[in-house]
mmCIF file of all heavy atoms, coordinates in Angstrom:
data_MODEL
# 
_entry.id   MODEL 
# 
loop_
_atom_site.group_PDB 
_atom_site.id 
_atom_site.type_symbol 
_atom_site.label_atom_id 
_atom_site.label_alt_id 
_atom_site.label_comp_id 
_atom_site.label_asym_id 
_atom_site.label_entity_id 
_atom_site.label_seq_id 
_atom_site.pdbx_PDB_ins_code 
_atom_site.Cartn_x 
_atom_site.Cartn_y 
_atom_site.Cartn_z 
_atom_site.occupancy 
_atom_site.B_iso_or_equiv 
_atom_site.pdbx_formal_charge 
_atom_site.auth_seq_id 
_atom_site.auth_comp_id 
_atom_site.auth_asym_id 
_atom_site.auth_atom_id 
_atom_site.pdbx_PDB_model_num 
ATOM 1   N N   . VAL A 1 1  ? 54.071 97.803  90.765 1.00 0.00 ? 1  VAL A N   1 
ATOM 2   C CA  . VAL A 1 1  ? 53.578 99.183  90.808 1.00 0.00 ? 1  VAL A CA  1 
ATOM 3   C C   . VAL A 1 1  ? 53.029 99.591  89.448 1.00 0.00 ? 1  VAL A C   1 
ATOM 4   O O   . VAL A 1 1  ? 51.954 100.207 89.361 1.00 0.00 ? 1  VAL A O   1 
ATOM 5   C CB  . VAL A 1 1  ? 54.693 100.148 91.277 1.00 0.00 ? 1  VAL A CB  1 
ATOM 6   C CG1 . VAL A 1 1  ? 54.324 101.595 91.025 1.00 0.00 ? 1  VAL A CG1 1 
ATOM 7   C CG2 . VAL A 1 1  ? 54.995 99.927  92.742 1.00 0.00 ? 1  VAL A CG2 1 
ATOM 8   N N   . ALA A 1 2  ? 53.723 99.240  88.375 1.00 0.00 ? 2  ALA A N   1 
ATOM 9   C CA  . ALA A 1 2  ? 53.252 99.587  87.037 1.00 0.00 ? 2  ALA A CA  1 
ATOM 10  C C   . ALA A 1 2  ? 51.921 98.909  86.728 1.00 0.00 ? 2  ALA A C   1 
ATOM 11  O O   . ALA A 1 2  ? 51.009 99.539  86.176 1.00 0.00 ? 2  ALA A O   1 
ATOM 12  C CB  . ALA A 1 2  ? 54.296 99.190  86.005 1.00 0.00 ? 2  ALA A CB  1 
ATOM 13  N N   . LEU A 1 3  ? 51.777 97.659  87.088 1.00 0.00 ? 3  LEU A N   1 
ATOM 14  C CA  . LEU A 1 3  ? 50.520 96.959  86.851 1.00 0.00 ? 3  LEU A CA  1 
ATOM 15  C C   . LEU A 1 3  ? 49.388 97.525  87.698 1.00 0.00 ? 3  LEU A C   1 
ATOM 16  O O   . LEU A 1 3  ? 48.258 97.651  87.226 1.00 0.00 ? 3  LEU A O   1 
ATOM 17  C CB  . LEU A 1 3  ? 50.681 95.461  87.136 1.00 0.00 ? 3  LEU A CB  1 
ATOM 18  C CG  . LEU A 1 3  ? 51.519 94.679  86.126 1.00 0.00 ? 3  LEU A CG  1 
ATOM 19  C CD1 . LEU A 1 3  ? 51.729 93.255  86.606 1.00 0.00 ? 3  LEU A CD1 1 
ATOM 20  C CD2 . LEU A 1 3  ? 50.875 94.700  84.765 1.00 0.00 ? 3  LEU A CD2 1 
ATOM 21  N N   . SER A 1 4  ? 49.680 97.875  88.929 1.00 0.00 ? 4  SER A N   1 
ATOM 22  C CA  . SER A 1 4  ? 48.656 98.444  89.804 1.00 0.00 ? 4  SER A CA  1 
ATOM 23  C C   . SER A 1 4  ? 48.171 99.799  89.281 1.00 0.00 ? 4  SER A C   1 
ATOM 24  O O   . SER A 1 4  ? 46.961 100.080 89.293 1.00 0.00 ? 4  SER A O   1 
ATOM 25  C CB  . SER A 1 4  ? 49.193 98.602  91.225 1.00 0.00 ? 4  SER A CB  1 
ATOM 26  O OG  . SER A 1 4  ? 49.502 97.355  91.771 1.00 0.00 ? 4  SER A OG  1 
ATOM 27  N N   . LEU A 1 5  ? 49.093 100.640 88.836 1.00 0.00 ? 5  LEU A N   1 
ATOM 28  C CA  . LEU A 1 5  ? 48.695 101.952 88.313 1.00 0.00 ? 5  LEU A CA  1 
ATOM 29  C C   . LEU A 1 5  ? 47.898 101.806 87.026 1.00 0.00 ? 5  LEU A C   1 
ATOM 30  O O   . LEU A 1 5  ? 46.901 102.522 86.824 1.00 0.00 ? 5  LEU A O   1 
ATOM 31  C CB  . LEU A 1 5  ? 49.931 102.819 88.076 1.00 0.00 ? 5  LEU A CB  1 
ATOM 32  C CG  . LEU A 1 5  ? 50.600 103.351 89.330 1.00 0.00 ? 5  LEU A CG  1 
ATOM 33  C CD1 . LEU A 1 5  ? 51.873 104.103 88.972 1.00 0.00 ? 5  LEU A CD1 1 
ATOM 34  C CD2 . LEU A 1 5  ? 49.666 104.241 90.109 1.00 0.00 ? 5  LEU A CD2 1 
ATOM 35  N N   . SER A 1 6  ? 48.315 100.900 86.163 1.00 0.00 ? 6  SER A N   1 
ATOM 36  C CA  . SER A 1 6  ? 47.565 100.728 84.917 1.00 0.00 ? 6  SER A CA  1 
ATOM 37  C C   . SER A 1 6  ? 46.172 100.167 85.192 1.00 0.00 ? 6  SER A C   1 
ATOM 38  O O   . SER A 1 6  ? 45.200 100.539 84.527 1.00 0.00 ? 6  SER A O   1 
ATOM 39  C CB  . SER A 1 6  ? 48.328 99.827  83.947 1.00 0.00 ? 6  SER A CB  1 
ATOM 40  O OG  . SER A 1 6  ? 48.467 98.525  84.484 1.00 0.00 ? 6  SER A OG  1 
ATOM 41  N N   . TRP A 1 7  ? 46.057 99.301  86.167 1.00 0.00 ? 7  TRP A N   1 
ATOM 42  C CA  . TRP A 1 7  ? 44.745 98.757  86.531 1.00 0.00 ? 7  TRP A CA  1 
ATOM 43  C C   . TRP A 1 7  ? 43.847 99.861  87.102 1.00 0.00 ? 7  TRP A C   1 
ATOM 44  O O   . TRP A 1 7  ? 42.652 99.909  86.806 1.00 0.00 ? 7  TRP A O   1 
ATOM 45  C CB  . TRP A 1 7  ? 44.917 97.620  87.534 1.00 0.00 ? 7  TRP A CB  1 
ATOM 46  C CG  . TRP A 1 7  ? 43.635 96.923  87.835 1.00 0.00 ? 7  TRP A CG  1 
ATOM 47  C CD1 . TRP A 1 7  ? 42.893 97.035  88.968 1.00 0.00 ? 7  TRP A CD1 1 
ATOM 48  C CD2 . TRP A 1 7  ? 42.921 96.021  86.991 1.00 0.00 ? 7  TRP A CD2 1 
ATOM 49  N NE1 . TRP A 1 7  ? 41.770 96.265  88.878 1.00 0.00 ? 7  TRP A NE1 1 
ATOM 50  C CE2 . TRP A 1 7  ? 41.762 95.621  87.675 1.00 0.00 ? 7  TRP A CE2 1 
ATOM 51  C CE3 . TRP A 1 7  ? 43.151 95.514  85.726 1.00 0.00 ? 7  TRP A CE3 1 
ATOM 52  C CZ2 . TRP A 1 7  ? 40.838 94.756  87.135 1.00 0.00 ? 7  TRP A CZ2 1 
ATOM 53  C CZ3 . TRP A 1 7  ? 42.230 94.642  85.184 1.00 0.00 ? 7  TRP A CZ3 1 
ATOM 54  C CH2 . TRP A 1 7  ? 41.095 94.263  85.883 1.00 0.00 ? 7  TRP A CH2 1 
ATOM 55  N N   . ALA A 1 8  ? 44.434 100.754 87.888 1.00 0.00 ? 8  ALA A N   1 
ATOM 56  C CA  . ALA A 1 8  ? 43.653 101.852 88.456 1.00 0.00 ? 8  ALA A CA  1 
ATOM 57  C C   . ALA A 1 8  ? 43.153 102.792 87.361 1.00 0.00 ? 8  ALA A C   1 
ATOM 58  O O   . ALA A 1 8  ? 41.995 103.239 87.394 1.00 0.00 ? 8  ALA A O   1 
ATOM 59  C CB  . ALA A 1 8  ? 44.498 102.624 89.470 1.00 0.00 ? 8  ALA A CB  1 
ATOM 60  N N   . VAL A 1 9  ? 43.985 103.082 86.376 1.00 0.00 ? 9  VAL A N   1 
ATOM 61  C CA  . VAL A 1 9  ? 43.583 103.946 85.264 1.00 0.00 ? 9  VAL A CA  1 
ATOM 62  C C   . VAL A 1 9  ? 42.484 103.274 84.455 1.00 0.00 ? 9  VAL A C   1 
ATOM 63  O O   . VAL A 1 9  ? 41.486 103.915 84.065 1.00 0.00 ? 9  VAL A O   1 
ATOM 64  C CB  . VAL A 1 9  ? 44.792 104.295 84.383 1.00 0.00 ? 9  VAL A CB  1 
ATOM 65  C CG1 . VAL A 1 9  ? 44.361 104.965 83.093 1.00 0.00 ? 9  VAL A CG1 1 
ATOM 66  C CG2 . VAL A 1 9  ? 45.762 105.176 85.143 1.00 0.00 ? 9  VAL A CG2 1 
ATOM 67  N N   . LEU A 1 10 ? 42.629 102.000 84.187 1.00 0.00 ? 10 LEU A N   1 
ATOM 68  C CA  . LEU A 1 10 ? 41.614 101.265 83.425 1.00 0.00 ? 10 LEU A CA  1 
ATOM 69  C C   . LEU A 1 10 ? 40.281 101.218 84.172 1.00 0.00 ? 10 LEU A C   1 
ATOM 70  O O   . LEU A 1 10 ? 39.219 101.385 83.573 1.00 0.00 ? 10 LEU A O   1 
ATOM 71  C CB  . LEU A 1 10 ? 42.098 99.843  83.147 1.00 0.00 ? 10 LEU A CB  1 
ATOM 72  C CG  . LEU A 1 10 ? 41.189 98.959  82.311 1.00 0.00 ? 10 LEU A CG  1 
ATOM 73  C CD1 . LEU A 1 10 ? 41.021 99.546  80.923 1.00 0.00 ? 10 LEU A CD1 1 
ATOM 74  C CD2 . LEU A 1 10 ? 41.751 97.561  82.237 1.00 0.00 ? 10 LEU A CD2 1 
ATOM 75  N N   . THR A 1 11 ? 40.324 101.022 85.474 1.00 0.00 ? 11 THR A N   1 
ATOM 76  C CA  . THR A 1 11 ? 39.111 100.998 86.282 1.00 0.00 ? 11 THR A CA  1 
ATOM 77  C C   . THR A 1 11 ? 38.416 102.355 86.270 1.00 0.00 ? 11 THR A C   1 
ATOM 78  O O   . THR A 1 11 ? 37.195 102.442 86.099 1.00 0.00 ? 11 THR A O   1 
ATOM 79  C CB  . THR A 1 11 ? 39.433 100.581 87.724 1.00 0.00 ? 11 THR A CB  1 
ATOM 80  O OG1 . THR A 1 11 ? 40.074 99.307  87.701 1.00 0.00 ? 11 THR A OG1 1 
ATOM 81  C CG2 . THR A 1 11 ? 38.197 100.515 88.586 1.00 0.00 ? 11 THR A CG2 1 
ATOM 82  N N   . GLU A 1 12 ? 39.182 103.420 86.432 1.00 0.00 ? 12 GLU A N   1 
ATOM 83  C CA  . GLU A 1 12 ? 38.601 104.771 86.417 1.00 0.00 ? 12 GLU A CA  1 
ATOM 84  C C   . GLU A 1 12 ? 37.994 105.086 85.055 1.00 0.00 ? 12 GLU A C   1 
ATOM 85  O O   . GLU A 1 12 ? 36.899 105.660 84.967 1.00 0.00 ? 12 GLU A O   1 
ATOM 86  C CB  . GLU A 1 12 ? 39.664 105.806 86.767 1.00 0.00 ? 12 GLU A CB  1 
ATOM 87  C CG  . GLU A 1 12 ? 39.168 107.227 86.747 1.00 0.00 ? 12 GLU A CG  1 
ATOM 88  C CD  . GLU A 1 12 ? 38.137 107.513 87.817 1.00 0.00 ? 12 GLU A CD  1 
ATOM 89  O OE1 . GLU A 1 12 ? 38.145 106.867 88.860 1.00 0.00 ? 12 GLU A OE1 1 
ATOM 90  O OE2 . GLU A 1 12 ? 37.297 108.418 87.582 1.00 0.00 ? 12 GLU A OE2 1 
ATOM 91  N N   . ALA A 1 13 ? 38.669 104.697 83.989 1.00 0.00 ? 13 ALA A N   1 
ATOM 92  C CA  . ALA A 1 13 ? 38.137 104.945 82.651 1.00 0.00 ? 13 ALA A CA  1 
ATOM 93  C C   . ALA A 1 13 ? 36.856 104.150 82.424 1.00 0.00 ? 13 ALA A C   1 
ATOM 94  O O   . ALA A 1 13 ? 35.902 104.661 81.828 1.00 0.00 ? 13 ALA A O   1 
ATOM 95  C CB  . ALA A 1 13 ? 39.179 104.580 81.602 1.00 0.00 ? 13 ALA A CB  1 
ATOM 96  N N   . SER A 1 14 ? 36.810 102.929 82.896 1.00 0.00 ? 14 SER A N   1 
ATOM 97  C CA  . SER A 1 14 ? 35.611 102.102 82.735 1.00 0.00 ? 14 SER A CA  1 
ATOM 98  C C   . SER A 1 14 ? 34.432 102.686 83.506 1.00 0.00 ? 14 SER A C   1 
ATOM 99  O O   . SER A 1 14 ? 33.308 102.739 82.995 1.00 0.00 ? 14 SER A O   1 
ATOM 100 C CB  . SER A 1 14 ? 35.873 100.676 83.221 1.00 0.00 ? 14 SER A CB  1 
ATOM 101 O OG  . SER A 1 14 ? 36.917 100.092 82.494 1.00 0.00 ? 14 SER A OG  1 
ATOM 102 N N   . LEU A 1 15 ? 34.695 103.115 84.732 1.00 0.00 ? 15 LEU A N   1 
ATOM 103 C CA  . LEU A 1 15 ? 33.624 103.711 85.526 1.00 0.00 ? 15 LEU A CA  1 
ATOM 104 C C   . LEU A 1 15 ? 33.134 105.020 84.915 1.00 0.00 ? 15 LEU A C   1 
ATOM 105 O O   . LEU A 1 15 ? 31.930 105.304 84.912 1.00 0.00 ? 15 LEU A O   1 
ATOM 106 C CB  . LEU A 1 15 ? 34.090 103.931 86.966 1.00 0.00 ? 15 LEU A CB  1 
ATOM 107 C CG  . LEU A 1 15 ? 34.259 102.670 87.800 1.00 0.00 ? 15 LEU A CG  1 
ATOM 108 C CD1 . LEU A 1 15 ? 34.885 103.013 89.141 1.00 0.00 ? 15 LEU A CD1 1 
ATOM 109 C CD2 . LEU A 1 15 ? 32.938 101.960 87.988 1.00 0.00 ? 15 LEU A CD2 1 
ATOM 110 N N   . SER A 1 16 ? 34.045 105.816 84.385 1.00 0.00 ? 16 SER A N   1 
ATOM 111 C CA  . SER A 1 16 ? 33.643 107.070 83.743 1.00 0.00 ? 16 SER A CA  1 
ATOM 112 C C   . SER A 1 16 ? 32.826 106.799 82.491 1.00 0.00 ? 16 SER A C   1 
ATOM 113 O O   . SER A 1 16 ? 31.871 107.516 82.196 1.00 0.00 ? 16 SER A O   1 
ATOM 114 C CB  . SER A 1 16 ? 34.872 107.897 83.394 1.00 0.00 ? 16 SER A CB  1 
ATOM 115 O OG  . SER A 1 16 ? 35.508 108.335 84.566 1.00 0.00 ? 16 SER A OG  1 
ATOM 116 N N   . PHE A 1 17 ? 33.187 105.773 81.740 1.00 0.00 ? 17 PHE A N   1 
ATOM 117 C CA  . PHE A 1 17 ? 32.431 105.411 80.541 1.00 0.00 ? 17 PHE A CA  1 
ATOM 118 C C   . PHE A 1 17 ? 31.006 105.008 80.896 1.00 0.00 ? 17 PHE A C   1 
ATOM 119 O O   . PHE A 1 17 ? 30.063 105.326 80.184 1.00 0.00 ? 17 PHE A O   1 
ATOM 120 C CB  . PHE A 1 17 ? 33.132 104.268 79.807 1.00 0.00 ? 17 PHE A CB  1 
ATOM 121 C CG  . PHE A 1 17 ? 32.404 103.800 78.593 1.00 0.00 ? 17 PHE A CG  1 
ATOM 122 C CD1 . PHE A 1 17 ? 32.404 104.556 77.426 1.00 0.00 ? 17 PHE A CD1 1 
ATOM 123 C CD2 . PHE A 1 17 ? 31.699 102.612 78.615 1.00 0.00 ? 17 PHE A CD2 1 
ATOM 124 C CE1 . PHE A 1 17 ? 31.729 104.118 76.305 1.00 0.00 ? 17 PHE A CE1 1 
ATOM 125 C CE2 . PHE A 1 17 ? 31.022 102.171 77.498 1.00 0.00 ? 17 PHE A CE2 1 
ATOM 126 C CZ  . PHE A 1 17 ? 31.036 102.931 76.331 1.00 0.00 ? 17 PHE A CZ  1 
ATOM 127 N N   . LEU A 1 18 ? 30.847 104.343 82.023 1.00 0.00 ? 18 LEU A N   1 
ATOM 128 C CA  . LEU A 1 18 ? 29.529 103.916 82.463 1.00 0.00 ? 18 LEU A CA  1 
ATOM 129 C C   . LEU A 1 18 ? 28.751 105.018 83.175 1.00 0.00 ? 18 LEU A C   1 
ATOM 130 O O   . LEU A 1 18 ? 27.600 104.837 83.547 1.00 0.00 ? 18 LEU A O   1 
ATOM 131 C CB  . LEU A 1 18 ? 29.648 102.704 83.392 1.00 0.00 ? 18 LEU A CB  1 
ATOM 132 C CG  . LEU A 1 18 ? 30.205 101.436 82.747 1.00 0.00 ? 18 LEU A CG  1 
ATOM 133 C CD1 . LEU A 1 18 ? 30.429 100.373 83.803 1.00 0.00 ? 18 LEU A CD1 1 
ATOM 134 C CD2 . LEU A 1 18 ? 29.265 100.935 81.667 1.00 0.00 ? 18 LEU A CD2 1 
ATOM 135 N N   . GLY A 1 19 ? 29.398 106.153 83.384 1.00 0.00 ? 19 GLY A N   1 
ATOM 136 C CA  . GLY A 1 19 ? 28.740 107.264 84.054 1.00 0.00 ? 19 GLY A CA  1 
ATOM 137 C C   . GLY A 1 19 ? 28.812 107.183 85.568 1.00 0.00 ? 19 GLY A C   1 
ATOM 138 O O   . GLY A 1 19 ? 28.067 107.864 86.259 1.00 0.00 ? 19 GLY A O   1 
ATOM 139 N N   . LEU A 1 20 ? 29.704 106.364 86.086 1.00 0.00 ? 20 LEU A N   1 
ATOM 140 C CA  . LEU A 1 20 ? 29.809 106.191 87.531 1.00 0.00 ? 20 LEU A CA  1 
ATOM 141 C C   . LEU A 1 20 ? 31.089 106.787 88.108 1.00 0.00 ? 20 LEU A C   1 
ATOM 142 O O   . LEU A 1 20 ? 31.389 106.605 89.275 1.00 0.00 ? 20 LEU A O   1 
ATOM 143 C CB  . LEU A 1 20 ? 29.771 104.689 87.872 1.00 0.00 ? 20 LEU A CB  1 
ATOM 144 C CG  . LEU A 1 20 ? 28.522 103.955 87.412 1.00 0.00 ? 20 LEU A CG  1 
ATOM 145 C CD1 . LEU A 1 20 ? 28.695 102.464 87.636 1.00 0.00 ? 20 LEU A CD1 1 
ATOM 146 C CD2 . LEU A 1 20 ? 27.302 104.469 88.130 1.00 0.00 ? 20 LEU A CD2 1 
ATOM 147 N N   . GLY A 1 21 ? 31.847 107.480 87.285 1.00 0.00 ? 21 GLY A N   1 
ATOM 148 C CA  . GLY A 1 21 ? 33.115 108.047 87.734 1.00 0.00 ? 21 GLY A CA  1 
ATOM 149 C C   . GLY A 1 21 ? 32.918 109.320 88.543 1.00 0.00 ? 21 GLY A C   1 
ATOM 150 O O   . GLY A 1 21 ? 31.809 109.651 88.982 1.00 0.00 ? 21 GLY A O   1 
ATOM 151 N N   . THR A 1 22 ? 33.986 110.060 88.701 1.00 0.00 ? 22 THR A N   1 
ATOM 152 C CA  . THR A 1 22 ? 33.916 111.310 89.448 1.00 0.00 ? 22 THR A CA  1 
ATOM 153 C C   . THR A 1 22 ? 33.124 112.325 88.655 1.00 0.00 ? 22 THR A C   1 
ATOM 154 O O   . THR A 1 22 ? 33.154 112.368 87.427 1.00 0.00 ? 22 THR A O   1 
ATOM 155 C CB  . THR A 1 22 ? 35.325 111.863 89.723 1.00 0.00 ? 22 THR A CB  1 
ATOM 156 O OG1 . THR A 1 22 ? 35.998 112.037 88.485 1.00 0.00 ? 22 THR A OG1 1 
ATOM 157 C CG2 . THR A 1 22 ? 36.113 110.917 90.601 1.00 0.00 ? 22 THR A CG2 1 
ATOM 158 N N   . ARG A 1 23 ? 32.404 113.163 89.360 1.00 0.00 ? 23 ARG A N   1 
ATOM 159 C CA  . ARG A 1 23 ? 31.578 114.173 88.708 1.00 0.00 ? 23 ARG A CA  1 
ATOM 160 C C   . ARG A 1 23 ? 32.382 115.458 88.553 1.00 0.00 ? 23 ARG A C   1 
ATOM 161 O O   . ARG A 1 23 ? 33.185 115.811 89.402 1.00 0.00 ? 23 ARG A O   1 
ATOM 162 C CB  . ARG A 1 23 ? 30.330 114.447 89.526 1.00 0.00 ? 23 ARG A CB  1 
ATOM 163 C CG  . ARG A 1 23 ? 29.448 113.239 89.636 1.00 0.00 ? 23 ARG A CG  1 
ATOM 164 C CD  . ARG A 1 23 ? 28.203 113.586 90.421 1.00 0.00 ? 23 ARG A CD  1 
ATOM 165 N NE  . ARG A 1 23 ? 27.446 112.380 90.703 1.00 0.00 ? 23 ARG A NE  1 
ATOM 166 C CZ  . ARG A 1 23 ? 26.362 112.037 90.049 1.00 0.00 ? 23 ARG A CZ  1 
ATOM 167 N NH1 . ARG A 1 23 ? 25.909 112.806 89.082 1.00 0.00 ? 23 ARG A NH1 1 
ATOM 168 N NH2 . ARG A 1 23 ? 25.728 110.932 90.341 1.00 0.00 ? 23 ARG A NH2 1 
ATOM 169 N N   . ARG A 1 24 ? 32.105 116.153 87.454 1.00 0.00 ? 24 ARG A N   1 
ATOM 170 C CA  . ARG A 1 24 ? 32.771 117.426 87.215 1.00 0.00 ? 24 ARG A CA  1 
ATOM 171 C C   . ARG A 1 24 ? 32.150 118.494 88.092 1.00 0.00 ? 24 ARG A C   1 
ATOM 172 O O   . ARG A 1 24 ? 30.948 118.508 88.337 1.00 0.00 ? 24 ARG A O   1 
ATOM 173 C CB  . ARG A 1 24 ? 32.643 117.835 85.765 1.00 0.00 ? 24 ARG A CB  1 
ATOM 174 C CG  . ARG A 1 24 ? 33.378 116.930 84.838 1.00 0.00 ? 24 ARG A CG  1 
ATOM 175 C CD  . ARG A 1 24 ? 33.266 117.453 83.427 1.00 0.00 ? 24 ARG A CD  1 
ATOM 176 N NE  . ARG A 1 24 ? 33.942 116.554 82.510 1.00 0.00 ? 24 ARG A NE  1 
ATOM 177 C CZ  . ARG A 1 24 ? 33.952 116.719 81.221 1.00 0.00 ? 24 ARG A CZ  1 
ATOM 178 N NH1 . ARG A 1 24 ? 33.306 117.732 80.676 1.00 0.00 ? 24 ARG A NH1 1 
ATOM 179 N NH2 . ARG A 1 24 ? 34.583 115.877 80.454 1.00 0.00 ? 24 ARG A NH2 1 
# 
């Protein structure tokens, strides 16, 4: 569970950095 949550946070941060994350 800890690894899955950390992977999800890293994925969301990477997508946001690329401009593909959730929009405000």
